[in-house]
Amino acid sequence: MLAGVATEAGGGNRRGRRSKEEVLDAAARVMAQRGYAGTSISAITAESGVPVSAIYHHFRSKGGVLSAVLERGARDYFAAMRAAHAEPPAGGTHRERLAWFMERTAEVFAANPGFLRLHLQLLLSDEAADAEVAEMNRQVREEGRAYMRHMISTAFADQGTAVADAVAQRLDYFAIAAFDGSFVNFQAEAERTVASQMDVLIDAMVAVGEAVVAQRS
């Protein structure tokens, strides 16, 4: 009897997990096509085949669905970043080390356009002011800045921890803004990829970073 109950419960849990993933997959597709304002629970139901009642059971609201889409996308994105940067070079110049990080970051950007497009759309949309969505977007930005600081400080680590951290604090917002701008521009001018802008960005970051080093010497 207990074994039968456990089997049924296990099957129910698997079905629940599967339906949640189906909802998230469907919501991501619909939002990519229609944006946040054009995405309704009924549209997600039509795309996923999951009943409205099950969607509300799993996510409570449209904002809950979207924050879960963002959370899953962010988890996959930052996992890809960690994998791309798993073995940073120990030697070389500031520019060489920073270039290694930035070029691989551009590759991760190129491989995750859907997540980044949704994230930026939500930052610019008044219609996505749902508190749950806004908080998830804030967490994504904070994690992105923290990761950028880690890359920059690692590139300048030979200057000592205090100086490397100062360089990272000076450059993190600038670097994130440059990546965001390059990604947005790529939507309008497909020949100008994020990767194609890396040499200019790296030169600018190194120049500012070395100025910080000089000030603290």
Protein backbone atom coordinates (compact mmCIF):
# COMPACT_ATOMS: atom_id res chain seq x y z
CA MET A 1 0.00 0.00 0.00
CA LEU A 2 2.75 2.45 0.97
CA ALA A 3 4.76 1.52 -2.12
CA GLY A 4 1.72 2.20 -4.28
CA VAL A 5 1.19 5.60 -2.68
CA ALA A 6 4.85 6.48 -3.09
CA THR A 7 4.77 5.53 -6.76
CA GLU A 8 1.67 7.62 -7.36
CA ALA A 9 3.12 10.58 -5.49
CA GLY A 10 6.37 10.27 -7.38
CA GLY A 11 4.50 10.19 -10.67
CA GLY A 12 2.50 13.24 -9.59
CA ASN A 13 5.67 15.12 -8.70
CA ARG A 14 7.22 14.29 -12.05
CA ARG A 15 4.09 15.43 -13.83
CA GLY A 16 4.12 18.62 -11.77
CA ARG A 17 7.74 19.34 -12.61
CA ARG A 18 7.08 18.57 -16.26
CA SER A 19 4.06 20.88 -16.42
CA LYS A 20 6.02 23.70 -14.76
CA GLU A 21 8.79 23.36 -17.32
CA GLU A 22 6.22 23.27 -20.13
CA VAL A 23 4.70 26.49 -18.83
CA LEU A 24 8.10 28.17 -18.61
CA ASP A 25 9.06 27.03 -22.11
CA ALA A 26 5.75 28.26 -23.51
CA ALA A 27 5.91 31.57 -21.63
CA ALA A 28 9.43 32.24 -22.91
CA ARG A 29 8.30 31.61 -26.50
CA VAL A 30 5.20 33.79 -26.22
CA MET A 31 7.04 36.65 -24.51
CA ALA A 32 9.79 36.55 -27.13
CA GLN A 33 7.11 37.01 -29.81
CA ARG A 34 4.68 39.39 -28.08
CA GLY A 35 6.56 41.03 -25.21
CA TYR A 36 5.31 41.15 -21.62
CA ALA A 37 2.21 43.25 -22.32
CA GLY A 38 1.09 40.94 -25.12
CA THR A 39 1.49 37.78 -23.04
CA SER A 40 -1.56 36.58 -21.14
CA ILE A 41 -2.18 33.50 -19.04
CA SER A 42 -4.62 32.33 -21.71
CA ALA A 43 -1.90 32.68 -24.37
CA ILE A 44 0.49 30.64 -22.22
CA THR A 45 -2.22 28.00 -21.77
CA ALA A 46 -2.82 27.85 -25.51
CA GLU A 47 0.91 27.50 -26.20
CA SER A 48 1.66 24.97 -23.46
CA GLY A 49 -1.54 22.96 -23.22
CA VAL A 50 -1.36 23.30 -19.42
CA PRO A 51 -4.71 24.35 -17.85
CA VAL A 52 -5.09 27.84 -16.38
CA SER A 53 -5.75 26.34 -12.93
CA ALA A 54 -2.42 24.47 -13.02
CA ILE A 55 -0.55 27.62 -14.06
CA TYR A 56 -2.01 29.57 -11.14
CA HIS A 57 -1.30 26.64 -8.83
CA HIS A 58 2.39 26.65 -9.79
CA PHE A 59 3.02 30.40 -10.21
CA ARG A 60 0.12 32.36 -8.61
CA SER A 61 0.14 35.11 -11.27
CA LYS A 62 1.46 36.24 -14.63
CA GLY A 63 4.24 38.06 -12.75
CA GLY A 64 5.11 34.80 -11.03
CA VAL A 65 5.44 33.04 -14.38
CA LEU A 66 7.67 35.76 -15.77
CA SER A 67 9.91 35.95 -12.72
CA ALA A 68 10.34 32.16 -12.96
CA VAL A 69 11.25 32.46 -16.66
CA LEU A 70 13.85 35.07 -15.73
CA GLU A 71 15.17 33.01 -12.83
CA ARG A 72 15.63 29.94 -15.01
CA GLY A 73 17.23 31.98 -17.79
CA ALA A 74 19.59 33.66 -15.33
CA ARG A 75 20.57 30.32 -13.81
CA ASP A 76 21.44 28.91 -17.22
CA TYR A 77 23.19 32.11 -18.30
CA PHE A 78 25.47 32.39 -15.28
CA ALA A 79 26.19 28.66 -15.39
CA ALA A 80 27.36 29.18 -18.98
CA MET A 81 29.50 32.11 -17.83
CA ARG A 82 31.16 30.04 -15.12
CA ALA A 83 31.85 27.24 -17.57
CA ALA A 84 33.30 29.63 -20.16
CA HIS A 85 35.63 31.18 -17.57
CA ALA A 86 36.58 28.00 -15.73
CA GLU A 87 40.33 28.20 -16.42
CA PRO A 88 41.50 31.83 -16.64
CA PRO A 89 45.09 32.48 -17.73
CA ALA A 90 47.59 33.12 -14.94
CA GLY A 91 50.13 35.04 -17.00
CA GLY A 92 50.05 37.74 -19.65
CA THR A 93 49.30 41.45 -19.48
CA HIS A 94 46.23 43.21 -18.06
CA ARG A 95 44.87 43.52 -21.58
CA GLU A 96 45.47 39.88 -22.45
CA ARG A 97 43.80 38.63 -19.31
CA LEU A 98 40.86 41.03 -19.64
CA ALA A 99 40.50 40.17 -23.33
CA TRP A 100 40.28 36.48 -22.44
CA PHE A 101 37.35 37.18 -20.10
CA MET A 102 35.56 39.70 -22.31
CA GLU A 103 35.78 37.62 -25.48
CA ARG A 104 34.28 34.59 -23.74
CA THR A 105 31.60 36.77 -22.20
CA ALA A 106 30.67 37.98 -25.69
CA GLU A 107 30.34 34.34 -26.79
CA VAL A 108 27.95 33.63 -23.91
CA PHE A 109 25.94 36.74 -24.84
CA ALA A 110 25.67 35.49 -28.42
CA ALA A 111 24.51 32.06 -27.25
CA ASN A 112 21.74 33.44 -24.98
CA PRO A 113 19.92 36.14 -26.96
CA GLY A 114 16.43 35.19 -25.79
CA PHE A 115 17.17 35.60 -22.09
CA LEU A 116 19.07 38.87 -22.60
CA ARG A 117 16.39 40.31 -24.87
CA LEU A 118 13.67 39.55 -22.33
CA HIS A 119 15.73 40.96 -19.46
CA LEU A 120 16.38 44.25 -21.27
CA GLN A 121 12.78 44.54 -22.47
CA LEU A 122 11.59 44.25 -18.90
CA LEU A 123 14.01 46.88 -17.67
CA LEU A 124 12.54 49.31 -20.21
CA SER A 125 8.86 48.38 -19.84
CA ASP A 126 6.51 50.19 -17.47
CA GLU A 127 4.10 47.31 -17.94
CA ALA A 128 6.49 44.94 -16.18
CA ALA A 129 6.47 46.82 -12.87
CA ASP A 130 5.15 43.79 -10.99
CA ALA A 131 7.08 43.64 -7.70
CA GLU A 132 8.11 40.01 -8.18
CA VAL A 133 9.39 40.70 -11.69
CA ALA A 134 11.19 43.87 -10.63
CA GLU A 135 12.94 42.03 -7.80
CA MET A 136 14.09 39.24 -10.10
CA ASN A 137 15.39 41.77 -12.60
CA ARG A 138 17.26 43.54 -9.79
CA GLN A 139 18.85 40.25 -8.72
CA VAL A 140 19.93 39.53 -12.30
CA ARG A 141 21.58 42.96 -12.56
CA GLU A 142 23.31 42.57 -9.20
CA GLU A 143 24.63 39.13 -10.07
CA GLY A 144 25.82 40.43 -13.44
CA ARG A 145 27.70 43.32 -11.84
CA ALA A 146 29.23 41.02 -9.23
CA TYR A 147 30.41 38.68 -11.95
CA MET A 148 31.83 41.57 -13.97
CA ARG A 149 33.74 42.80 -10.89
CA HIS A 150 35.14 39.30 -10.43
CA MET A 151 36.42 39.19 -14.03
CA ILE A 152 38.00 42.66 -13.87
CA SER A 153 39.63 42.14 -10.48
CA THR A 154 41.04 38.80 -11.67
CA ALA A 155 42.52 40.50 -14.74
CA PHE A 156 44.25 43.08 -12.48
CA ALA A 157 45.08 40.65 -9.65
CA ASP A 158 48.84 41.16 -10.05
CA GLN A 159 48.38 44.69 -8.67
CA GLY A 160 47.21 43.35 -5.32
CA THR A 161 43.72 42.74 -4.00
CA ALA A 162 42.95 46.33 -2.92
CA VAL A 163 43.96 47.87 -6.24
CA ALA A 164 42.28 45.13 -8.29
CA ASP A 165 39.05 45.63 -6.34
CA ALA A 166 39.25 49.41 -6.87
CA VAL A 167 39.62 48.90 -10.62
CA ALA A 168 36.65 46.53 -10.64
CA GLN A 169 34.48 48.96 -8.68
CA ARG A 170 35.37 51.75 -11.11
CA LEU A 171 34.60 49.71 -14.24
CA ASP A 172 31.72 47.36 -13.46
CA TYR A 173 28.84 49.69 -14.42
CA PHE A 174 30.67 50.93 -17.51
CA ALA A 175 31.38 47.42 -18.76
CA ILE A 176 27.81 46.21 -18.19
CA ALA A 177 26.45 49.28 -19.99
CA ALA A 178 28.80 48.65 -22.91
CA PHE A 179 27.65 45.04 -23.24
CA ASP A 180 23.99 46.09 -22.99
CA GLY A 181 24.47 48.78 -25.62
CA SER A 182 26.33 46.47 -27.97
CA PHE A 183 23.60 43.85 -27.65
CA VAL A 184 20.84 46.40 -28.34
CA ASN A 185 22.76 47.82 -31.32
CA PHE A 186 23.19 44.30 -32.71
CA GLN A 187 19.39 44.02 -32.94
CA ALA A 188 19.43 46.95 -35.38
CA GLU A 189 22.72 46.27 -37.16
CA ALA A 190 23.28 42.52 -37.35
CA GLU A 191 26.77 42.90 -38.82
CA ARG A 192 27.93 44.70 -35.66
CA THR A 193 28.00 41.79 -33.26
CA VAL A 194 28.83 42.14 -29.59
CA ALA A 195 32.11 40.29 -30.27
CA SER A 196 33.07 42.78 -32.99
CA GLN A 197 33.06 45.61 -30.44
CA MET A 198 35.36 43.88 -27.95
CA ASP A 199 38.67 45.41 -29.03
CA VAL A 200 37.38 48.96 -28.42
CA LEU A 201 35.76 48.01 -25.11
CA ILE A 202 38.87 46.20 -23.88
CA ASP A 203 41.13 49.14 -24.80
CA ALA A 204 38.83 51.54 -22.94
CA MET A 205 38.63 49.33 -19.86
CA VAL A 206 42.39 48.82 -19.72
CA ALA A 207 43.01 52.57 -20.06
CA VAL A 208 40.65 53.38 -17.19
CA GLY A 209 41.97 50.49 -15.12
CA GLU A 210 45.58 51.54 -15.51
CA ALA A 211 44.63 55.11 -14.57
CA VAL A 212 43.18 53.76 -11.32
CA VAL A 213 46.38 51.76 -10.74
CA ALA A 214 48.47 54.89 -11.30
CA GLN A 215 46.35 56.94 -8.89
CA ARG A 216 46.81 54.37 -6.15
CA SER A 217 50.55 53.86 -6.65
